[in-house]
């Protein structure tokens, strides 16, 4: 399962407890690191026989109104990716493909830049790209050997 980032801003809440301040802070966190990198060790995913792979970052789609902040969003993602690669941790970037349906060109360019940075980290640090299922299988296999 995909869990949320481990920070109070991303904790699940009843809709009645959700407010504009929480949403605004999460939006700000997409551009400026106010809640941390949210990278984690693979071993931390297994909790009571359930594999929970928390999110590190939601890739928000390109917004024309915030076009001047797009470089900050990419820098935030890249810094977290580098942190994970340097420390042998997991960085879990996720998005909904349908969110890329508007401003398709800008969204694809952003995703391509992230992929190119991944390639750099792969060669520099051995950073590995795997699916959630592959990570869950690795975690479960390791648990079986203990």
N, C-alpha and C. Protein backbone atom coordinates (compact mmCIF):
# COMPACT_ATOMS: atom_id res chain seq x y z
N UNK A 1 0.83 -1.18 0.00
CA UNK A 1 0.00 0.00 0.00
C UNK A 1 0.88 1.24 0.00
N UNK A 2 0.35 2.35 -0.50
CA UNK A 2 1.09 3.60 -0.50
C UNK A 2 0.57 4.44 0.65
N UNK A 3 1.47 4.73 1.57
CA UNK A 3 1.11 5.57 2.69
C UNK A 3 1.49 7.02 2.43
N UNK A 4 1.11 7.85 3.34
CA UNK A 4 1.43 9.27 3.26
C UNK A 4 2.80 9.54 3.85
N UNK A 5 3.30 10.73 3.57
CA UNK A 5 4.55 11.19 4.17
C UNK A 5 4.38 11.18 5.69
N UNK A 6 5.48 10.94 6.39
CA UNK A 6 5.44 10.89 7.84
C UNK A 6 5.66 12.29 8.42
N UNK A 7 4.62 13.09 8.37
CA UNK A 7 4.67 14.45 8.88
C UNK A 7 3.24 14.89 9.15
N UNK A 8 3.04 15.72 10.16
CA UNK A 8 1.67 16.09 10.54
C UNK A 8 0.89 16.73 9.39
N UNK A 9 1.56 17.39 8.46
CA UNK A 9 0.85 18.00 7.34
C UNK A 9 0.15 16.97 6.45
N UNK A 10 0.69 15.75 6.43
CA UNK A 10 0.19 14.72 5.52
C UNK A 10 -0.61 13.63 6.23
N UNK A 11 -0.84 13.81 7.53
CA UNK A 11 -1.61 12.84 8.28
C UNK A 11 -3.05 12.79 7.76
N UNK A 12 -3.60 11.60 7.70
CA UNK A 12 -5.00 11.48 7.27
C UNK A 12 -5.89 12.15 8.29
N UNK A 13 -6.86 12.89 7.79
CA UNK A 13 -7.80 13.61 8.65
C UNK A 13 -9.20 13.44 8.10
N UNK A 14 -10.14 13.58 8.97
CA UNK A 14 -11.54 13.68 8.54
C UNK A 14 -11.65 14.97 7.73
N UNK A 15 -12.53 14.97 6.77
CA UNK A 15 -12.69 16.16 5.94
C UNK A 15 -13.02 17.39 6.77
N UNK A 16 -13.75 17.18 7.87
CA UNK A 16 -14.10 18.32 8.73
C UNK A 16 -12.88 18.90 9.44
N UNK A 17 -11.80 18.11 9.58
CA UNK A 17 -10.58 18.58 10.24
C UNK A 17 -9.59 19.19 9.26
N UNK A 18 -9.82 18.96 7.97
CA UNK A 18 -8.95 19.53 6.95
C UNK A 18 -9.28 21.02 6.81
N UNK A 19 -8.24 21.84 6.69
CA UNK A 19 -8.52 23.27 6.55
C UNK A 19 -7.59 23.88 5.51
N UNK A 20 -7.86 25.13 5.20
CA UNK A 20 -7.09 25.83 4.16
C UNK A 20 -5.63 25.97 4.55
N UNK A 21 -5.35 26.11 5.83
CA UNK A 21 -3.96 26.24 6.26
C UNK A 21 -3.17 24.97 5.95
N UNK A 22 -3.73 23.79 6.27
CA UNK A 22 -3.05 22.53 5.95
C UNK A 22 -2.79 22.42 4.46
N UNK A 23 -3.79 22.72 3.65
CA UNK A 23 -3.63 22.61 2.20
C UNK A 23 -2.59 23.61 1.69
N UNK A 24 -2.62 24.81 2.23
CA UNK A 24 -1.64 25.83 1.79
C UNK A 24 -0.22 25.41 2.18
N UNK A 25 -0.05 24.85 3.37
CA UNK A 25 1.27 24.41 3.80
C UNK A 25 1.77 23.24 2.96
N UNK A 26 0.88 22.32 2.59
CA UNK A 26 1.28 21.22 1.71
C UNK A 26 1.69 21.74 0.33
N UNK A 27 0.95 22.72 -0.17
CA UNK A 27 1.31 23.32 -1.45
C UNK A 27 2.68 24.00 -1.35
N UNK A 28 2.89 24.76 -0.30
CA UNK A 28 4.18 25.42 -0.09
C UNK A 28 5.30 24.39 0.03
N UNK A 29 5.02 23.26 0.68
CA UNK A 29 6.01 22.21 0.87
C UNK A 29 6.42 21.58 -0.46
N UNK A 30 5.60 21.71 -1.47
CA UNK A 30 5.97 21.22 -2.81
C UNK A 30 7.11 22.03 -3.41
N UNK A 31 7.24 23.26 -2.97
CA UNK A 31 8.24 24.17 -3.55
C UNK A 31 9.41 24.44 -2.62
N UNK A 32 9.15 24.42 -1.32
CA UNK A 32 10.17 24.73 -0.31
C UNK A 32 10.13 23.63 0.74
N UNK A 33 11.28 23.14 1.13
CA UNK A 33 11.36 22.04 2.09
C UNK A 33 11.00 22.52 3.50
N UNK A 34 9.74 22.31 3.86
CA UNK A 34 9.34 22.63 5.24
C UNK A 34 9.05 21.38 6.06
N UNK A 35 8.99 20.22 5.41
CA UNK A 35 8.63 19.01 6.15
C UNK A 35 9.67 17.89 6.04
N UNK A 36 10.76 18.12 5.34
CA UNK A 36 11.80 17.11 5.23
C UNK A 36 11.80 16.42 3.87
N UNK A 37 12.76 15.51 3.69
CA UNK A 37 12.91 14.82 2.40
C UNK A 37 11.93 13.66 2.24
N UNK A 38 11.53 13.05 3.33
CA UNK A 38 10.63 11.90 3.33
C UNK A 38 11.22 10.70 2.61
N UNK A 39 12.53 10.54 2.69
CA UNK A 39 13.17 9.33 2.21
C UNK A 39 13.18 8.35 3.37
N UNK A 40 13.39 7.08 3.08
CA UNK A 40 13.29 6.08 4.14
C UNK A 40 14.06 4.83 3.75
N UNK A 41 14.37 4.02 4.73
CA UNK A 41 15.04 2.75 4.46
C UNK A 41 13.99 1.74 4.03
N UNK A 42 14.36 0.82 3.15
CA UNK A 42 13.39 -0.20 2.73
C UNK A 42 12.84 -0.99 3.91
N UNK A 43 13.70 -1.26 4.90
CA UNK A 43 13.27 -2.05 6.06
C UNK A 43 12.13 -1.40 6.84
N UNK A 44 12.03 -0.08 6.77
CA UNK A 44 10.99 0.61 7.54
C UNK A 44 9.60 0.43 6.94
N UNK A 45 9.49 -0.20 5.78
CA UNK A 45 8.20 -0.37 5.10
C UNK A 45 7.35 -1.48 5.69
N UNK A 46 7.98 -2.41 6.39
CA UNK A 46 7.24 -3.56 6.91
C UNK A 46 6.77 -3.27 8.33
N UNK A 47 5.46 -3.22 8.49
CA UNK A 47 4.86 -2.97 9.80
C UNK A 47 3.78 -4.02 10.02
N UNK A 48 4.01 -4.90 10.96
CA UNK A 48 3.02 -5.92 11.33
C UNK A 48 2.50 -6.68 10.11
N UNK A 49 3.41 -7.25 9.33
CA UNK A 49 3.09 -8.07 8.15
C UNK A 49 2.41 -7.30 7.02
N UNK A 50 2.43 -5.99 7.07
CA UNK A 50 1.88 -5.17 5.99
C UNK A 50 3.02 -4.31 5.45
N UNK A 51 3.15 -4.29 4.13
CA UNK A 51 4.17 -3.43 3.52
C UNK A 51 3.51 -2.11 3.18
N UNK A 52 3.99 -1.06 3.83
CA UNK A 52 3.48 0.29 3.62
C UNK A 52 4.63 1.12 3.03
N UNK A 53 4.47 1.51 1.79
CA UNK A 53 5.50 2.29 1.12
C UNK A 53 5.03 3.75 1.11
N UNK A 54 5.59 4.54 2.02
CA UNK A 54 5.11 5.92 2.12
C UNK A 54 5.57 6.77 0.94
N UNK A 55 4.81 7.78 0.69
CA UNK A 55 5.16 8.74 -0.35
C UNK A 55 6.33 9.59 0.12
N UNK A 56 7.18 9.94 -0.80
CA UNK A 56 8.22 10.93 -0.52
C UNK A 56 7.78 12.29 -1.06
N UNK A 57 7.16 12.27 -2.22
CA UNK A 57 6.76 13.52 -2.86
C UNK A 57 5.69 13.24 -3.90
N UNK A 58 4.64 14.03 -3.87
CA UNK A 58 3.63 14.02 -4.92
C UNK A 58 4.09 15.00 -5.99
N UNK A 59 4.18 14.53 -7.22
CA UNK A 59 4.60 15.39 -8.32
C UNK A 59 3.38 16.17 -8.79
N UNK A 60 3.28 17.38 -8.29
CA UNK A 60 2.16 18.23 -8.68
C UNK A 60 2.30 18.62 -10.14
N UNK A 61 1.19 18.64 -10.84
CA UNK A 61 1.27 19.04 -12.25
C UNK A 61 1.63 20.52 -12.39
N UNK A 62 2.16 20.84 -13.55
CA UNK A 62 2.53 22.21 -13.89
C UNK A 62 1.31 23.12 -13.75
N UNK A 63 1.54 24.26 -13.13
CA UNK A 63 0.47 25.25 -12.99
C UNK A 63 0.95 26.57 -13.59
N UNK A 64 0.23 27.07 -14.58
CA UNK A 64 0.64 28.32 -15.21
C UNK A 64 0.72 29.46 -14.21
N UNK A 65 -0.21 29.49 -13.25
CA UNK A 65 -0.21 30.56 -12.25
C UNK A 65 1.05 30.53 -11.38
N UNK A 66 1.66 29.36 -11.27
CA UNK A 66 2.86 29.21 -10.43
C UNK A 66 4.10 28.92 -11.27
N UNK A 67 4.08 29.31 -12.54
CA UNK A 67 5.18 28.94 -13.44
C UNK A 67 6.53 29.43 -12.95
N UNK A 68 6.56 30.52 -12.19
CA UNK A 68 7.84 31.02 -11.69
C UNK A 68 8.37 30.17 -10.54
N UNK A 69 7.53 29.30 -10.00
CA UNK A 69 7.94 28.44 -8.90
C UNK A 69 8.31 27.03 -9.35
N UNK A 70 8.11 26.73 -10.62
CA UNK A 70 8.35 25.37 -11.12
C UNK A 70 9.79 24.92 -10.89
N UNK A 71 10.76 25.81 -11.04
CA UNK A 71 12.16 25.44 -10.81
C UNK A 71 12.37 25.05 -9.35
N UNK A 72 11.67 25.73 -8.43
CA UNK A 72 11.77 25.38 -7.01
C UNK A 72 11.23 23.98 -6.77
N UNK A 73 10.12 23.64 -7.41
CA UNK A 73 9.53 22.32 -7.25
C UNK A 73 10.50 21.24 -7.73
N UNK A 74 11.10 21.46 -8.89
CA UNK A 74 12.07 20.49 -9.40
C UNK A 74 13.30 20.39 -8.50
N UNK A 75 13.76 21.52 -8.02
CA UNK A 75 14.93 21.51 -7.12
C UNK A 75 14.60 20.73 -5.84
N UNK A 76 13.40 20.91 -5.32
CA UNK A 76 12.98 20.20 -4.10
C UNK A 76 12.99 18.69 -4.34
N UNK A 77 12.47 18.26 -5.46
CA UNK A 77 12.44 16.83 -5.79
C UNK A 77 13.85 16.30 -5.98
N UNK A 78 14.67 17.03 -6.72
CA UNK A 78 16.04 16.57 -6.99
C UNK A 78 16.86 16.47 -5.72
N UNK A 79 16.71 17.41 -4.81
CA UNK A 79 17.46 17.35 -3.55
C UNK A 79 17.08 16.11 -2.75
N UNK A 80 15.80 15.79 -2.72
CA UNK A 80 15.36 14.60 -1.99
C UNK A 80 15.85 13.33 -2.68
N UNK A 81 15.82 13.31 -4.00
CA UNK A 81 16.36 12.16 -4.74
C UNK A 81 17.85 11.97 -4.44
N UNK A 82 18.58 13.06 -4.43
CA UNK A 82 20.02 12.97 -4.15
C UNK A 82 20.26 12.48 -2.73
N UNK A 83 19.49 13.00 -1.79
CA UNK A 83 19.61 12.56 -0.40
C UNK A 83 19.40 11.05 -0.30
N UNK A 84 18.34 10.56 -0.94
CA UNK A 84 18.05 9.13 -0.90
C UNK A 84 19.19 8.33 -1.54
N UNK A 85 19.70 8.81 -2.66
CA UNK A 85 20.75 8.06 -3.35
C UNK A 85 22.05 8.06 -2.56
N UNK A 86 22.36 9.15 -1.90
CA UNK A 86 23.60 9.22 -1.10
C UNK A 86 23.54 8.33 0.13
N UNK A 87 22.35 8.16 0.71
CA UNK A 87 22.21 7.42 1.96
C UNK A 87 21.61 6.03 1.78
N UNK A 88 21.45 5.59 0.53
CA UNK A 88 20.92 4.25 0.28
C UNK A 88 19.47 4.10 0.70
N UNK A 89 18.72 5.18 0.59
CA UNK A 89 17.32 5.15 1.00
C UNK A 89 16.40 5.13 -0.22
N UNK A 90 15.13 5.09 0.06
CA UNK A 90 14.10 5.07 -0.97
C UNK A 90 13.52 6.46 -1.12
N UNK A 91 13.31 6.87 -2.35
CA UNK A 91 12.58 8.10 -2.67
C UNK A 91 11.40 7.67 -3.53
N UNK A 92 10.19 7.92 -3.04
CA UNK A 92 8.98 7.46 -3.72
C UNK A 92 8.23 8.66 -4.29
N UNK A 93 8.43 8.89 -5.57
CA UNK A 93 7.73 9.96 -6.30
C UNK A 93 6.48 9.36 -6.93
N UNK A 94 5.36 10.03 -6.75
CA UNK A 94 4.13 9.51 -7.34
C UNK A 94 3.31 10.65 -7.93
N UNK A 95 2.47 10.28 -8.87
CA UNK A 95 1.57 11.25 -9.49
C UNK A 95 0.45 10.49 -10.17
N UNK A 96 -0.58 11.20 -10.53
CA UNK A 96 -1.68 10.63 -11.30
C UNK A 96 -1.49 11.06 -12.75
N UNK A 97 -1.34 10.13 -13.67
CA UNK A 97 -1.14 10.52 -15.07
C UNK A 97 -2.23 11.45 -15.60
N UNK A 98 -3.45 11.30 -15.13
CA UNK A 98 -4.51 12.18 -15.63
C UNK A 98 -4.29 13.63 -15.22
N UNK A 99 -3.50 13.88 -14.18
CA UNK A 99 -3.19 15.26 -13.80
C UNK A 99 -2.32 15.95 -14.85
N UNK A 100 -1.69 15.16 -15.70
CA UNK A 100 -0.81 15.73 -16.72
C UNK A 100 -1.58 16.06 -18.00
N UNK A 101 -2.89 15.89 -18.00
CA UNK A 101 -3.71 16.11 -19.19
C UNK A 101 -3.83 17.55 -19.63
N UNK A 102 -3.57 18.47 -18.72
CA UNK A 102 -3.55 19.90 -19.04
C UNK A 102 -2.09 20.31 -18.97
N UNK A 103 -1.67 21.20 -19.84
CA UNK A 103 -0.26 21.61 -19.91
C UNK A 103 0.65 20.40 -20.13
N UNK A 104 0.25 19.58 -21.07
CA UNK A 104 0.95 18.31 -21.33
C UNK A 104 2.43 18.54 -21.62
N UNK A 105 2.74 19.47 -22.48
CA UNK A 105 4.14 19.71 -22.85
C UNK A 105 4.97 20.05 -21.62
N UNK A 106 4.51 20.97 -20.79
CA UNK A 106 5.25 21.39 -19.60
C UNK A 106 5.41 20.23 -18.61
N UNK A 107 4.36 19.42 -18.46
CA UNK A 107 4.43 18.28 -17.55
C UNK A 107 5.41 17.22 -18.04
N UNK A 108 5.43 16.97 -19.35
CA UNK A 108 6.36 15.98 -19.89
C UNK A 108 7.80 16.48 -19.77
N UNK A 109 8.02 17.76 -20.01
CA UNK A 109 9.37 18.33 -19.85
C UNK A 109 9.83 18.18 -18.40
N UNK A 110 8.94 18.45 -17.45
CA UNK A 110 9.29 18.32 -16.03
C UNK A 110 9.62 16.86 -15.70
N UNK A 111 8.80 15.94 -16.16
CA UNK A 111 9.04 14.52 -15.89
C UNK A 111 10.34 14.05 -16.57
N UNK A 112 10.60 14.55 -17.76
CA UNK A 112 11.83 14.19 -18.46
C UNK A 112 13.06 14.68 -17.70
N UNK A 113 12.99 15.87 -17.15
CA UNK A 113 14.12 16.40 -16.37
C UNK A 113 14.36 15.55 -15.13
N UNK A 114 13.30 15.09 -14.49
CA UNK A 114 13.43 14.22 -13.32
C UNK A 114 14.08 12.90 -13.73
N UNK A 115 13.65 12.35 -14.86
CA UNK A 115 14.23 11.09 -15.35
C UNK A 115 15.70 11.24 -15.70
N UNK A 116 16.06 12.35 -16.29
CA UNK A 116 17.47 12.60 -16.61
C UNK A 116 18.30 12.72 -15.33
N UNK A 117 17.75 13.34 -14.31
CA UNK A 117 18.47 13.45 -13.05
C UNK A 117 18.60 12.07 -12.40
N UNK A 118 17.55 11.27 -12.52
CA UNK A 118 17.65 9.89 -12.02
C UNK A 118 18.82 9.17 -12.70
N UNK A 119 18.94 9.31 -14.01
CA UNK A 119 20.03 8.65 -14.74
C UNK A 119 21.39 9.10 -14.20
N UNK A 120 21.53 10.37 -13.91
CA UNK A 120 22.77 10.88 -13.32
C UNK A 120 23.03 10.20 -11.96
N UNK A 121 22.00 10.14 -11.11
CA UNK A 121 22.16 9.53 -9.78
C UNK A 121 22.44 8.03 -9.88
N UNK A 122 21.87 7.41 -10.88
CA UNK A 122 22.11 5.97 -11.11
C UNK A 122 23.59 5.74 -11.39
N UNK A 123 24.17 6.56 -12.24
CA UNK A 123 25.59 6.40 -12.58
C UNK A 123 26.51 6.87 -11.45
N UNK A 124 26.11 7.91 -10.75
CA UNK A 124 26.94 8.48 -9.69
C UNK A 124 26.91 7.65 -8.41
N UNK A 125 25.71 7.20 -8.01
CA UNK A 125 25.54 6.53 -6.71
C UNK A 125 24.94 5.14 -6.79
N UNK A 126 24.60 4.68 -8.00
CA UNK A 126 23.94 3.38 -8.11
C UNK A 126 22.47 3.42 -7.72
N UNK A 127 21.89 4.60 -7.79
CA UNK A 127 20.46 4.76 -7.47
C UNK A 127 19.65 3.83 -8.36
N UNK A 128 18.64 3.21 -7.79
CA UNK A 128 17.87 2.20 -8.50
C UNK A 128 16.41 2.60 -8.59
N UNK A 129 15.82 2.38 -9.74
CA UNK A 129 14.40 2.64 -9.95
C UNK A 129 13.66 1.31 -9.95
N UNK A 130 12.72 1.16 -9.03
CA UNK A 130 11.92 -0.06 -8.99
C UNK A 130 10.47 0.31 -8.72
N UNK A 131 9.58 -0.61 -9.00
CA UNK A 131 8.16 -0.38 -8.76
C UNK A 131 7.84 -0.62 -7.28
N UNK A 132 6.66 -0.20 -6.89
CA UNK A 132 6.22 -0.46 -5.51
C UNK A 132 6.15 -1.97 -5.27
N UNK A 133 5.68 -2.71 -6.25
CA UNK A 133 5.58 -4.16 -6.10
C UNK A 133 6.96 -4.78 -5.91
N UNK A 134 7.95 -4.34 -6.69
CA UNK A 134 9.30 -4.87 -6.55
C UNK A 134 9.88 -4.54 -5.17
N UNK A 135 9.63 -3.34 -4.68
CA UNK A 135 10.12 -2.98 -3.34
C UNK A 135 9.44 -3.83 -2.28
N UNK A 136 8.14 -4.02 -2.40
CA UNK A 136 7.41 -4.85 -1.43
C UNK A 136 7.96 -6.28 -1.43
N UNK A 137 8.23 -6.81 -2.60
CA UNK A 137 8.78 -8.17 -2.68
C UNK A 137 10.16 -8.25 -2.04
N UNK A 138 10.99 -7.24 -2.26
CA UNK A 138 12.32 -7.22 -1.63
C UNK A 138 12.19 -7.20 -0.10
N UNK A 139 11.32 -6.36 0.39
CA UNK A 139 11.12 -6.22 1.83
C UNK A 139 10.59 -7.54 2.41
N UNK A 140 9.65 -8.16 1.73
CA UNK A 140 9.08 -9.43 2.22
C UNK A 140 10.11 -10.54 2.18
N UNK A 141 10.92 -10.61 1.12
CA UNK A 141 11.97 -11.63 1.03
C UNK A 141 12.98 -11.46 2.16
N UNK A 142 13.35 -10.23 2.43
CA UNK A 142 14.31 -9.98 3.50
C UNK A 142 13.73 -10.41 4.85
N UNK A 143 12.45 -10.16 5.05
CA UNK A 143 11.78 -10.54 6.31
C UNK A 143 11.76 -12.06 6.45
N UNK A 144 11.57 -12.76 5.34
CA UNK A 144 11.51 -14.23 5.37
C UNK A 144 12.87 -14.82 5.76
N UNK A 145 13.96 -14.13 5.49
CA UNK A 145 15.28 -14.65 5.80
C UNK A 145 15.70 -14.36 7.23
N UNK A 146 14.96 -13.55 7.94
CA UNK A 146 15.33 -13.22 9.33
C UNK A 146 14.84 -14.27 10.30
